[in-house]
PDB file of all heavy atoms in Angstrom:
ATOM      1  N   SER A   1       0.823  -1.209   0.000  1.00  0.00           N
ATOM      2  CA  SER A   1       0.000   0.000   0.000  1.00  0.00           C
ATOM      3  C   SER A   1       0.858   1.260   0.000  1.00  0.00           C
ATOM      4  O   SER A   1       0.489   2.267  -0.626  1.00  0.00           O
ATOM      5  CB  SER A   1      -0.949   0.002   1.198  1.00  0.00           C
ATOM      6  OG  SER A   1      -0.237   0.164   2.429  1.00  0.00           O
ATOM      7  N   LEU A   2       2.003   1.226   0.679  1.00  0.00           N
ATOM      8  CA  LEU A   2       2.880   2.394   0.689  1.00  0.00           C
ATOM      9  C   LEU A   2       3.783   2.426  -0.538  1.00  0.00           C
ATOM     10  O   LEU A   2       4.034   3.496  -1.106  1.00  0.00           O
ATOM     11  CB  LEU A   2       3.736   2.404   1.960  1.00  0.00           C
ATOM     12  CG  LEU A   2       3.073   2.925   3.234  1.00  0.00           C
ATOM     13  CD1 LEU A   2       4.098   3.094   4.354  1.00  0.00           C
ATOM     14  CD2 LEU A   2       2.364   4.253   2.984  1.00  0.00           C
ATOM     15  N   LEU A   3       4.275   1.290  -0.972  1.00  0.00           N
ATOM     16  CA  LEU A   3       5.128   1.258  -2.155  1.00  0.00           C
ATOM     17  C   LEU A   3       4.371   1.711  -3.404  1.00  0.00           C
ATOM     18  O   LEU A   3       4.959   2.321  -4.308  1.00  0.00           O
ATOM     19  CB  LEU A   3       5.691  -0.149  -2.363  1.00  0.00           C
ATOM     20  CG  LEU A   3       6.729  -0.630  -1.341  1.00  0.00           C
ATOM     21  CD1 LEU A   3       7.065  -2.097  -1.580  1.00  0.00           C
ATOM     22  CD2 LEU A   3       7.993   0.215  -1.377  1.00  0.00           C
ATOM     23  N   ASP A   4       3.077   1.446  -3.443  1.00  0.00           N
ATOM     24  CA  ASP A   4       2.269   1.779  -4.617  1.00  0.00           C
ATOM     25  C   ASP A   4       1.661   3.178  -4.558  1.00  0.00           C
ATOM     26  O   ASP A   4       1.032   3.615  -5.519  1.00  0.00           O
ATOM     27  CB  ASP A   4       1.143   0.755  -4.800  1.00  0.00           C
ATOM     28  CG  ASP A   4       1.671  -0.637  -5.129  1.00  0.00           C
ATOM     29  OD1 ASP A   4       2.823  -0.747  -5.591  1.00  0.00           O
ATOM     30  OD2 ASP A   4       0.928  -1.624  -4.910  1.00  0.00           O
ATOM     31  N   ASP A   5       1.844   3.859  -3.454  1.00  0.00           N
ATOM     32  CA  ASP A   5       1.237   5.187  -3.274  1.00  0.00           C
ATOM     33  C   ASP A   5       2.347   6.199  -2.982  1.00  0.00           C
ATOM     34  O   ASP A   5       2.653   6.500  -1.824  1.00  0.00           O
ATOM     35  CB  ASP A   5       0.216   5.148  -2.130  1.00  0.00           C
ATOM     36  CG  ASP A   5      -0.602   6.424  -2.012  1.00  0.00           C
ATOM     37  OD1 ASP A   5      -0.205   7.459  -2.604  1.00  0.00           O
ATOM     38  OD2 ASP A   5      -1.634   6.397  -1.302  1.00  0.00           O
ATOM     39  N   ASP A   6       2.937   6.741  -4.044  1.00  0.00           N
ATOM     40  CA  ASP A   6       4.060   7.660  -3.885  1.00  0.00           C
ATOM     41  C   ASP A   6       3.675   8.904  -3.102  1.00  0.00           C
ATOM     42  O   ASP A   6       4.455   9.386  -2.264  1.00  0.00           O
ATOM     43  CB  ASP A   6       4.606   8.068  -5.255  1.00  0.00           C
ATOM     44  CG  ASP A   6       5.271   6.908  -5.994  1.00  0.00           C
ATOM     45  OD1 ASP A   6       5.606   5.902  -5.341  1.00  0.00           O
ATOM     46  OD2 ASP A   6       5.441   7.016  -7.232  1.00  0.00           O
ATOM     47  N   ASP A   7       2.495   9.445  -3.357  1.00  0.00           N
ATOM     48  CA  ASP A   7       2.083  10.680  -2.696  1.00  0.00           C
ATOM     49  C   ASP A   7       1.998  10.489  -1.178  1.00  0.00           C
ATOM     50  O   ASP A   7       2.500  11.318  -0.404  1.00  0.00           O
ATOM     51  CB  ASP A   7       0.736  11.162  -3.239  1.00  0.00           C
ATOM     52  CG  ASP A   7       0.823  11.657  -4.681  1.00  0.00           C
ATOM     53  OD1 ASP A   7       1.943  11.984  -5.128  1.00  0.00           O
ATOM     54  OD2 ASP A   7      -0.229  11.718  -5.358  1.00  0.00           O
ATOM     55  N   THR A   8       1.352   9.412  -0.748  1.00  0.00           N
ATOM     56  CA  THR A   8       1.223   9.151   0.685  1.00  0.00           C
ATOM     57  C   THR A   8       2.583   8.903   1.316  1.00  0.00           C
ATOM     58  O   THR A   8       2.890   9.407   2.399  1.00  0.00           O
ATOM     59  CB  THR A   8       0.296   7.952   0.944  1.00  0.00           C
ATOM     60  OG1 THR A   8      -1.011   8.265   0.471  1.00  0.00           O
ATOM     61  CG2 THR A   8       0.237   7.606   2.421  1.00  0.00           C
ATOM     62  N   ARG A   9       3.408   8.137   0.630  1.00  0.00           N
ATOM     63  CA  ARG A   9       4.724   7.804   1.189  1.00  0.00           C
ATOM     64  C   ARG A   9       5.578   9.068   1.330  1.00  0.00           C
ATOM     65  O   ARG A   9       6.265   9.254   2.354  1.00  0.00           O
ATOM     66  CB  ARG A   9       5.425   6.779   0.292  1.00  0.00           C
ATOM     67  CG  ARG A   9       6.622   6.102   0.964  1.00  0.00           C
ATOM     68  CD  ARG A   9       7.221   5.015   0.075  1.00  0.00           C
ATOM     69  NE  ARG A   9       7.840   5.569  -1.131  1.00  0.00           N
ATOM     70  CZ  ARG A   9       7.332   5.500  -2.324  1.00  0.00           C
ATOM     71  NH1 ARG A   9       6.177   4.879  -2.510  1.00  0.00           N
ATOM     72  NH2 ARG A   9       7.954   6.020  -3.380  1.00  0.00           N
ATOM     73  N   LEU A  10       5.548   9.943   0.359  1.00  0.00           N
ATOM     74  CA  LEU A  10       6.324  11.178   0.423  1.00  0.00           C
ATOM     75  C   LEU A  10       5.786  12.118   1.505  1.00  0.00           C
ATOM     76  O   LEU A  10       6.546  12.791   2.192  1.00  0.00           O
ATOM     77  CB  LEU A  10       6.333  11.872  -0.934  1.00  0.00           C
ATOM     78  CG  LEU A  10       7.127  11.137  -2.036  1.00  0.00           C
ATOM     79  CD1 LEU A  10       6.929  11.807  -3.380  1.00  0.00           C
ATOM     80  CD2 LEU A  10       8.609  11.064  -1.679  1.00  0.00           C
ATOM     81  N   ARG A  11       4.471  12.155   1.657  1.00  0.00           N
ATOM     82  CA  ARG A  11       3.890  12.974   2.730  1.00  0.00           C
ATOM     83  C   ARG A  11       4.329  12.447   4.090  1.00  0.00           C
ATOM     84  O   ARG A  11       4.709  13.215   4.975  1.00  0.00           O
ATOM     85  CB  ARG A  11       2.365  12.965   2.632  1.00  0.00           C
ATOM     86  CG  ARG A  11       1.673  13.637   3.831  1.00  0.00           C
ATOM     87  CD  ARG A  11       0.175  13.582   3.723  1.00  0.00           C
ATOM     88  NE  ARG A  11      -0.346  12.222   3.662  1.00  0.00           N
ATOM     89  CZ  ARG A  11      -0.469  11.417   4.748  1.00  0.00           C
ATOM     90  NH1 ARG A  11      -0.115  11.843   5.937  1.00  0.00           N
ATOM     91  NH2 ARG A  11      -0.961  10.191   4.603  1.00  0.00           N
ATOM     92  N   MET A  12       4.277  11.117   4.253  1.00  0.00           N
ATOM     93  CA  MET A  12       4.705  10.511   5.508  1.00  0.00           C
ATOM     94  C   MET A  12       6.183  10.780   5.776  1.00  0.00           C
ATOM     95  O   MET A  12       6.578  10.975   6.931  1.00  0.00           O
ATOM     96  CB  MET A  12       4.453   9.004   5.481  1.00  0.00           C
ATOM     97  CG  MET A  12       2.990   8.614   5.624  1.00  0.00           C
ATOM     98  SD  MET A  12       2.808   6.811   5.666  1.00  0.00           S
ATOM     99  CE  MET A  12       1.059   6.671   6.110  1.00  0.00           C
ATOM    100  N   ALA A  13       6.987  10.805   4.742  1.00  0.00           N
ATOM    101  CA  ALA A  13       8.422  11.062   4.909  1.00  0.00           C
ATOM    102  C   ALA A  13       8.665  12.413   5.572  1.00  0.00           C
ATOM    103  O   ALA A  13       9.486  12.542   6.485  1.00  0.00           O
ATOM    104  CB  ALA A  13       9.134  10.990   3.562  1.00  0.00           C
ATOM    105  N   GLY A  14       7.948  13.429   5.110  1.00  0.00           N
ATOM    106  CA  GLY A  14       8.091  14.751   5.702  1.00  0.00           C
ATOM    107  C   GLY A  14       7.597  14.806   7.132  1.00  0.00           C
ATOM    108  O   GLY A  14       8.245  15.402   8.008  1.00  0.00           O
ATOM    109  N   GLU A  15       6.457  14.173   7.396  1.00  0.00           N
ATOM    110  CA  GLU A  15       5.907  14.181   8.752  1.00  0.00           C
ATOM    111  C   GLU A  15       6.749  13.338   9.704  1.00  0.00           C
ATOM    112  O   GLU A  15       6.794  13.605  10.906  1.00  0.00           O
ATOM    113  CB  GLU A  15       4.458  13.690   8.727  1.00  0.00           C
ATOM    114  CG  GLU A  15       3.519  14.632   7.977  1.00  0.00           C
ATOM    115  CD  GLU A  15       2.060  14.225   8.068  1.00  0.00           C
ATOM    116  OE1 GLU A  15       1.749  13.328   8.881  1.00  0.00           O
ATOM    117  OE2 GLU A  15       1.221  14.808   7.339  1.00  0.00           O
ATOM    118  N   ALA A  16       7.417  12.315   9.168  1.00  0.00           N
ATOM    119  CA  ALA A  16       8.262  11.462  10.002  1.00  0.00           C
ATOM    120  C   ALA A  16       9.398  12.252  10.632  1.00  0.00           C
ATOM    121  O   ALA A  16       9.732  12.066  11.804  1.00  0.00           O
ATOM    122  CB  ALA A  16       8.816  10.301   9.170  1.00  0.00           C
ATOM    123  N   VAL A  17      10.007  13.147   9.850  1.00  0.00           N
ATOM    124  CA  VAL A  17      11.106  13.964  10.359  1.00  0.00           C
ATOM    125  C   VAL A  17      10.625  14.850  11.503  1.00  0.00           C
ATOM    126  O   VAL A  17      11.288  14.975  12.544  1.00  0.00           O
ATOM    127  CB  VAL A  17      11.718  14.813   9.233  1.00  0.00           C
ATOM    128  CG1 VAL A  17      12.806  15.733   9.777  1.00  0.00           C
ATOM    129  CG2 VAL A  17      12.278  13.923   8.128  1.00  0.00           C
ATOM    130  N   GLN A  18       9.468  15.477  11.329  1.00  0.00           N
ATOM    131  CA  GLN A  18       8.914  16.334  12.372  1.00  0.00           C
ATOM    132  C   GLN A  18       8.575  15.538  13.631  1.00  0.00           C
ATOM    133  O   GLN A  18       8.792  15.982  14.754  1.00  0.00           O
ATOM    134  CB  GLN A  18       7.676  17.058  11.846  1.00  0.00           C
ATOM    135  CG  GLN A  18       7.961  17.980  10.660  1.00  0.00           C
ATOM    136  CD  GLN A  18       6.703  18.608  10.096  1.00  0.00           C
ATOM    137  OE1 GLN A  18       5.730  18.811  10.822  1.00  0.00           O
ATOM    138  NE2 GLN A  18       6.699  18.926   8.815  1.00  0.00           N
ATOM    139  N   HIS A  19       8.026  14.344  13.437  1.00  0.00           N
ATOM    140  CA  HIS A  19       7.676  13.478  14.564  1.00  0.00           C
ATOM    141  C   HIS A  19       8.915  13.096  15.373  1.00  0.00           C
ATOM    142  O   HIS A  19       8.926  13.191  16.606  1.00  0.00           O
ATOM    143  CB  HIS A  19       6.969  12.230  14.047  1.00  0.00           C
ATOM    144  CG  HIS A  19       6.621  11.221  15.102  1.00  0.00           C
ATOM    145  ND1 HIS A  19       5.732  11.483  16.126  1.00  0.00           N
ATOM    146  CD2 HIS A  19       7.054   9.941  15.292  1.00  0.00           C
ATOM    147  CE1 HIS A  19       5.609  10.409  16.891  1.00  0.00           C
ATOM    148  NE2 HIS A  19       6.416   9.471  16.416  1.00  0.00           N
ATOM    149  N   ALA A  20       9.974  12.690  14.685  1.00  0.00           N
ATOM    150  CA  ALA A  20      11.202  12.277  15.369  1.00  0.00           C
ATOM    151  C   ALA A  20      11.844  13.423  16.128  1.00  0.00           C
ATOM    152  O   ALA A  20      12.487  13.213  17.158  1.00  0.00           O
ATOM    153  CB  ALA A  20      12.187  11.694  14.354  1.00  0.00           C
ATOM    154  N   ALA A  21      11.668  14.646  15.637  1.00  0.00           N
ATOM    155  CA  ALA A  21      12.269  15.811  16.290  1.00  0.00           C
ATOM    156  C   ALA A  21      11.718  16.040  17.692  1.00  0.00           C
ATOM    157  O   ALA A  21      12.329  16.751  18.495  1.00  0.00           O
ATOM    158  CB  ALA A  21      12.058  17.057  15.428  1.00  0.00           C
ATOM    159  N   ASN A  22      10.571  15.435  18.002  1.00  0.00           N
ATOM    160  CA  ASN A  22       9.984  15.571  19.336  1.00  0.00           C
ATOM    161  C   ASN A  22      10.663  14.685  20.377  1.00  0.00           C
ATOM    162  O   ASN A  22      10.370  14.788  21.566  1.00  0.00           O
ATOM    163  CB  ASN A  22       8.490  15.231  19.297  1.00  0.00           C
ATOM    164  CG  ASN A  22       7.692  16.215  18.452  1.00  0.00           C
ATOM    165  OD1 ASN A  22       7.936  17.415  18.501  1.00  0.00           O
ATOM    166  ND2 ASN A  22       6.731  15.712  17.685  1.00  0.00           N
ATOM    167  N   PHE A  23      11.568  13.820  19.938  1.00  0.00           N
ATOM    168  CA  PHE A  23      12.248  12.892  20.829  1.00  0.00           C
ATOM    169  C   PHE A  23      13.755  13.160  20.777  1.00  0.00           C
ATOM    170  O   PHE A  23      14.367  13.026  19.737  1.00  0.00           O
ATOM    171  CB  PHE A  23      11.955  11.443  20.434  1.00  0.00           C
ATOM    172  CG  PHE A  23      10.506  11.061  20.509  1.00  0.00           C
ATOM    173  CD1 PHE A  23       9.656  11.354  19.453  1.00  0.00           C
ATOM    174  CD2 PHE A  23       9.991  10.418  21.624  1.00  0.00           C
ATOM    175  CE1 PHE A  23       8.312  11.005  19.510  1.00  0.00           C
ATOM    176  CE2 PHE A  23       8.655  10.065  21.686  1.00  0.00           C
ATOM    177  CZ  PHE A  23       7.810  10.369  20.631  1.00  0.00           C
ATOM    178  N   SER A  24      14.331  13.534  21.894  1.00  0.00           N
ATOM    179  CA  SER A  24      15.769  13.809  21.934  1.00  0.00           C
ATOM    180  C   SER A  24      16.385  13.151  23.151  1.00  0.00           C
ATOM    181  O   SER A  24      15.741  12.989  24.194  1.00  0.00           O
ATOM    182  CB  SER A  24      16.045  15.319  21.973  1.00  0.00           C
ATOM    183  OG  SER A  24      15.714  15.865  23.235  1.00  0.00           O
ATOM    184  N   TRP A  25      17.652  12.774  23.035  1.00  0.00           N
ATOM    185  CA  TRP A  25      18.369  12.183  24.172  1.00  0.00           C
ATOM    186  C   TRP A  25      18.605  13.205  25.272  1.00  0.00           C
ATOM    187  O   TRP A  25      18.654  12.849  26.455  1.00  0.00           O
ATOM    188  CB  TRP A  25      19.698  11.583  23.703  1.00  0.00           C
ATOM    189  CG  TRP A  25      19.528  10.370  22.857  1.00  0.00           C
ATOM    190  CD1 TRP A  25      19.925  10.183  21.569  1.00  0.00           C
ATOM    191  CD2 TRP A  25      18.915   9.130  23.251  1.00  0.00           C
ATOM    192  NE1 TRP A  25      19.592   8.929  21.126  1.00  0.00           N
ATOM    193  CE2 TRP A  25      18.970   8.263  22.137  1.00  0.00           C
ATOM    194  CE3 TRP A  25      18.308   8.680  24.434  1.00  0.00           C
ATOM    195  CZ2 TRP A  25      18.457   6.969  22.168  1.00  0.00           C
ATOM    196  CZ3 TRP A  25      17.783   7.388  24.469  1.00  0.00           C
ATOM    197  CH2 TRP A  25      17.871   6.547  23.356  1.00  0.00           C
ATOM    198  N   SER A  26      18.749  14.452  24.914  1.00  0.00           N
ATOM    199  CA  SER A  26      18.922  15.492  25.920  1.00  0.00           C
ATOM    200  C   SER A  26      17.696  15.585  26.820  1.00  0.00           C
ATOM    201  O   SER A  26      17.819  15.683  28.053  1.00  0.00           O
ATOM    202  CB  SER A  26      19.193  16.838  25.240  1.00  0.00           C
ATOM    203  OG  SER A  26      19.288  17.869  26.200  1.00  0.00           O
ATOM    204  N   ALA A  27      16.496  15.543  26.202  1.00  0.00           N
ATOM    205  CA  ALA A  27      15.261  15.589  26.990  1.00  0.00           C
ATOM    206  C   ALA A  27      15.124  14.344  27.862  1.00  0.00           C
ATOM    207  O   ALA A  27      14.696  14.423  29.015  1.00  0.00           O
ATOM    208  CB  ALA A  27      14.057  15.727  26.063  1.00  0.00           C
ATOM    209  N   SER A  28      15.499  13.183  27.312  1.00  0.00           N
ATOM    210  CA  SER A  28      15.445  11.945  28.088  1.00  0.00           C
ATOM    211  C   SER A  28      16.334  12.041  29.324  1.00  0.00           C
ATOM    212  O   SER A  28      15.940  11.658  30.429  1.00  0.00           O
ATOM    213  CB  SER A  28      15.880  10.748  27.236  1.00  0.00           C
ATOM    214  OG  SER A  28      15.053  10.591  26.102  1.00  0.00           O
ATOM    215  N   ALA A  29      17.550  12.550  29.131  1.00  0.00           N
ATOM    216  CA  ALA A  29      18.490  12.678  30.239  1.00  0.00           C
ATOM    217  C   ALA A  29      17.995  13.661  31.289  1.00  0.00           C
ATOM    218  O   ALA A  29      18.154  13.429  32.495  1.00  0.00           O
ATOM    219  CB  ALA A  29      19.858  13.103  29.714  1.00  0.00           C
TER     220      ALA A  29
END
C-alpha cells in the first residue's frame, strides 16, 4: 500500500522527520 502510493509515502516522509524531532536524548536525560 505504501510502495504503490508515492504521494502518501512522500507525505509521511516529511511528517516522520517532524515526529522524530519531538524525541531527543537530551530531553530523556
